[in-house]
Amino acid sequence: MPGSVFTPQRVAITVTCAASLVVCCGLAWWQWQRFSSAGGTFQNLGYVLQWPLFGLFPAFVVWRIRRLEARKDAEPPEAAPEPVVTVDPVRTPARDDEDDELAAYNRYLAELNARDQR
C-alpha cells in the first residue's frame, strides 16, 4: 500500500483525527479556564491533562491498525488447519422399539455423519 496516495478514505480518516484533536484541545482549554477561575478544582486540572489524550486516541488507533496490517502482510500465509473432530460418532444403532420419531432422527443423523466422512 503506497504511503503517498490520497484516497477519499485516507483524507476522511485524517480529517476526523485532526478534528478530534482540535475539539479535544478546545475542551482542554475550556477546562483550564475553569481550573484558573475562583471555583476551579483539581478535577478540572485532571481534565486538562485527559482531553488531549482523548484527542490523540483516534490517530493512535489508525497507526496501530496500519502497523498490524503491515505485520500481517509481511507474514507468510498459513496453511489451512486440518479439521478436528471433537465428538465421536455414535457406534450403536438406534433401537426402533423405543421411539419411532427418535429412531428416525438418529438414522438421519447417522446419514449426515456418513456423508461428512466421505
C-alpha atoms as a PDB file:
ATOM      1  CA  MET A   1       0.000   0.000   0.000  1.00  0.00           C
ATOM      2  CA  PRO A   2       1.754   3.198  -1.137  1.00  0.00           C
ATOM      3  CA  GLY A   3       2.055   5.876   1.503  1.00  0.00           C
ATOM      4  CA  SER A   4       1.604   8.968  -0.714  1.00  0.00           C
ATOM      5  CA  VAL A   5      -1.728   8.090  -2.322  1.00  0.00           C
ATOM      6  CA  PHE A   6      -4.551  10.442  -1.321  1.00  0.00           C
ATOM      7  CA  THR A   7      -7.677   8.321  -1.338  1.00  0.00           C
ATOM      8  CA  PRO A   8     -11.027   9.639  -0.069  1.00  0.00           C
ATOM      9  CA  GLN A   9     -10.853   7.158   2.803  1.00  0.00           C
ATOM     10  CA  ARG A  10      -7.418   8.362   3.950  1.00  0.00           C
ATOM     11  CA  VAL A  11      -8.446  12.003   3.663  1.00  0.00           C
ATOM     12  CA  ALA A  12     -11.581  11.323   5.729  1.00  0.00           C
ATOM     13  CA  ILE A  13      -9.569   9.490   8.391  1.00  0.00           C
ATOM     14  CA  THR A  14      -7.003  12.300   8.537  1.00  0.00           C
ATOM     15  CA  VAL A  15      -9.702  14.989   8.781  1.00  0.00           C
ATOM     16  CA  THR A  16     -11.506  13.031  11.504  1.00  0.00           C
ATOM     17  CA  CYS A  17      -8.309  12.598  13.538  1.00  0.00           C
ATOM     18  CA  ALA A  18      -7.418  16.281  13.153  1.00  0.00           C
ATOM     19  CA  ALA A  19     -10.943  17.398  14.077  1.00  0.00           C
ATOM     20  CA  SER A  20     -10.877  15.154  17.127  1.00  0.00           C
ATOM     21  CA  LEU A  21      -7.600  16.676  18.257  1.00  0.00           C
ATOM     22  CA  VAL A  22      -8.817  20.255  17.701  1.00  0.00           C
ATOM     23  CA  VAL A  23     -12.103  19.675  19.554  1.00  0.00           C
ATOM     24  CA  CYS A  24     -10.417  17.930  22.464  1.00  0.00           C
ATOM     25  CA  CYS A  25      -7.747  20.624  22.755  1.00  0.00           C
ATOM     26  CA  GLY A  26     -10.557  23.190  22.823  1.00  0.00           C
ATOM     27  CA  LEU A  27     -12.189  21.267  25.643  1.00  0.00           C
ATOM     28  CA  ALA A  28      -8.837  21.146  27.462  1.00  0.00           C
ATOM     29  CA  TRP A  29      -8.567  24.932  27.138  1.00  0.00           C
ATOM     30  CA  TRP A  30     -12.086  25.304  28.498  1.00  0.00           C
ATOM     31  CA  GLN A  31     -11.207  23.095  31.481  1.00  0.00           C
ATOM     32  CA  TRP A  32      -8.009  25.129  32.038  1.00  0.00           C
ATOM     33  CA  GLN A  33     -10.077  28.298  32.193  1.00  0.00           C
ATOM     34  CA  ARG A  34     -12.403  26.666  34.702  1.00  0.00           C
ATOM     35  CA  PHE A  35      -9.398  25.500  36.766  1.00  0.00           C
ATOM     36  CA  SER A  36      -7.925  29.036  36.695  1.00  0.00           C
ATOM     37  CA  SER A  37     -11.198  30.590  37.869  1.00  0.00           C
ATOM     38  CA  ALA A  38     -12.073  31.066  41.519  1.00  0.00           C
ATOM     39  CA  GLY A  39     -14.276  27.971  41.604  1.00  0.00           C
ATOM     40  CA  GLY A  40     -11.839  25.686  39.768  1.00  0.00           C
ATOM     41  CA  THR A  41     -10.829  22.368  41.271  1.00  0.00           C
ATOM     42  CA  PHE A  42      -8.103  19.826  40.684  1.00  0.00           C
ATOM     43  CA  GLN A  43     -10.687  17.746  38.844  1.00  0.00           C
ATOM     44  CA  ASN A  44     -10.660  20.441  36.149  1.00  0.00           C
ATOM     45  CA  LEU A  45      -6.861  20.171  36.020  1.00  0.00           C
ATOM     46  CA  GLY A  46      -7.199  16.423  35.541  1.00  0.00           C
ATOM     47  CA  TYR A  47      -9.495  17.029  32.585  1.00  0.00           C
ATOM     48  CA  VAL A  48      -6.952  19.474  31.159  1.00  0.00           C
ATOM     49  CA  LEU A  49      -4.496  16.583  31.004  1.00  0.00           C
ATOM     50  CA  GLN A  50      -7.019  13.997  29.769  1.00  0.00           C
ATOM     51  CA  TRP A  51      -8.659  15.830  26.868  1.00  0.00           C
ATOM     52  CA  PRO A  52      -5.554  15.994  24.648  1.00  0.00           C
ATOM     53  CA  LEU A  53      -5.064  12.254  25.176  1.00  0.00           C
ATOM     54  CA  PHE A  54      -8.652  11.655  24.085  1.00  0.00           C
ATOM     55  CA  GLY A  55      -7.943  13.765  21.004  1.00  0.00           C
ATOM     56  CA  LEU A  56      -4.848  11.747  20.116  1.00  0.00           C
ATOM     57  CA  PHE A  57      -6.574   8.390  20.572  1.00  0.00           C
ATOM     58  CA  PRO A  58      -8.109   8.159  17.031  1.00  0.00           C
ATOM     59  CA  ALA A  59      -4.685   8.829  15.488  1.00  0.00           C
ATOM     60  CA  PHE A  60      -3.188   6.118  17.698  1.00  0.00           C
ATOM     61  CA  VAL A  61      -5.881   3.646  16.597  1.00  0.00           C
ATOM     62  CA  VAL A  62      -5.184   4.376  12.915  1.00  0.00           C
ATOM     63  CA  TRP A  63      -1.440   3.955  13.481  1.00  0.00           C
ATOM     64  CA  ARG A  64      -1.975   0.689  15.352  1.00  0.00           C
ATOM     65  CA  ILE A  65      -4.292  -0.767  12.687  1.00  0.00           C
ATOM     66  CA  ARG A  66      -1.816   0.084   9.915  1.00  0.00           C
ATOM     67  CA  ARG A  67       1.031  -1.457  11.908  1.00  0.00           C
ATOM     68  CA  LEU A  68      -0.942  -4.683  12.474  1.00  0.00           C
ATOM     69  CA  GLU A  69      -1.908  -4.862   8.782  1.00  0.00           C
ATOM     70  CA  ALA A  70       1.737  -4.377   7.743  1.00  0.00           C
ATOM     71  CA  ARG A  71       2.779  -7.161  10.106  1.00  0.00           C
ATOM     72  CA  LYS A  72       0.043  -9.434   8.750  1.00  0.00           C
ATOM     73  CA  ASP A  73       1.092  -8.705   5.156  1.00  0.00           C
ATOM     74  CA  ALA A  74       4.738  -9.469   5.995  1.00  0.00           C
ATOM     75  CA  GLU A  75       3.953 -12.909   7.453  1.00  0.00           C
ATOM     76  CA  PRO A  76       3.740 -15.888   5.113  1.00  0.00           C
ATOM     77  CA  PRO A  77       0.226 -17.251   4.687  1.00  0.00           C
ATOM     78  CA  GLU A  78      -0.576 -20.147   6.958  1.00  0.00           C
ATOM     79  CA  ALA A  79      -1.781 -23.458   5.613  1.00  0.00           C
ATOM     80  CA  ALA A  80      -5.403 -24.252   6.347  1.00  0.00           C
ATOM     81  CA  PRO A  81      -5.603 -26.308   9.525  1.00  0.00           C
ATOM     82  CA  GLU A  82      -6.953 -29.817   9.367  1.00  0.00           C
ATOM     83  CA  PRO A  83     -10.452 -30.120  10.778  1.00  0.00           C
ATOM     84  CA  VAL A  84     -10.534 -31.551  14.257  1.00  0.00           C
ATOM     85  CA  VAL A  85     -13.326 -33.920  15.178  1.00  0.00           C
ATOM     86  CA  THR A  86     -14.233 -33.349  18.800  1.00  0.00           C
ATOM     87  CA  VAL A  87     -17.245 -35.642  19.020  1.00  0.00           C
ATOM     88  CA  ASP A  88     -17.036 -39.373  18.464  1.00  0.00           C
ATOM     89  CA  PRO A  89     -19.704 -40.704  16.102  1.00  0.00           C
ATOM     90  CA  VAL A  90     -22.360 -42.908  17.597  1.00  0.00           C
ATOM     91  CA  ARG A  91     -21.352 -46.539  17.111  1.00  0.00           C
ATOM     92  CA  THR A  92     -24.505 -48.260  18.279  1.00  0.00           C
ATOM     93  CA  PRO A  93     -27.577 -48.347  16.053  1.00  0.00           C
ATOM     94  CA  ALA A  94     -30.754 -46.765  17.315  1.00  0.00           C
ATOM     95  CA  ARG A  95     -33.307 -49.164  18.727  1.00  0.00           C
ATOM     96  CA  ASP A  96     -36.530 -48.865  16.772  1.00  0.00           C
ATOM     97  CA  ASP A  97     -38.693 -50.316  19.532  1.00  0.00           C
ATOM     98  CA  GLU A  98     -38.230 -47.341  21.912  1.00  0.00           C
ATOM     99  CA  ASP A  99     -39.491 -44.323  19.969  1.00  0.00           C
ATOM    100  CA  ASP A 100     -40.145 -44.176  16.237  1.00  0.00           C
ATOM    101  CA  GLU A 101     -39.529 -40.444  15.954  1.00  0.00           C
ATOM    102  CA  LEU A 102     -36.269 -40.647  17.905  1.00  0.00           C
ATOM    103  CA  ALA A 103     -35.094 -43.623  15.859  1.00  0.00           C
ATOM    104  CA  ALA A 104     -35.848 -41.782  12.585  1.00  0.00           C
ATOM    105  CA  TYR A 105     -33.943 -38.734  13.812  1.00  0.00           C
ATOM    106  CA  ASN A 106     -30.967 -40.869  14.835  1.00  0.00           C
ATOM    107  CA  ARG A 107     -30.944 -42.548  11.403  1.00  0.00           C
ATOM    108  CA  TYR A 108     -30.988 -39.094   9.803  1.00  0.00           C
ATOM    109  CA  LEU A 109     -28.018 -38.014  11.951  1.00  0.00           C
ATOM    110  CA  ALA A 110     -26.166 -41.206  11.043  1.00  0.00           C
ATOM    111  CA  GLU A 111     -26.737 -40.451   7.340  1.00  0.00           C
ATOM    112  CA  LEU A 112     -25.391 -36.916   7.773  1.00  0.00           C
ATOM    113  CA  ASN A 113     -22.377 -38.250   9.618  1.00  0.00           C
ATOM    114  CA  ALA A 114     -21.720 -40.794   6.864  1.00  0.00           C
ATOM    115  CA  ARG A 115     -21.883 -38.021   4.227  1.00  0.00           C
ATOM    116  CA  ASP A 116     -19.420 -35.894   6.179  1.00  0.00           C
ATOM    117  CA  GLN A 117     -16.979 -38.804   6.459  1.00  0.00           C
ATOM    118  CA  ARG A 118     -16.682 -39.103   2.671  1.00  0.00           C
END
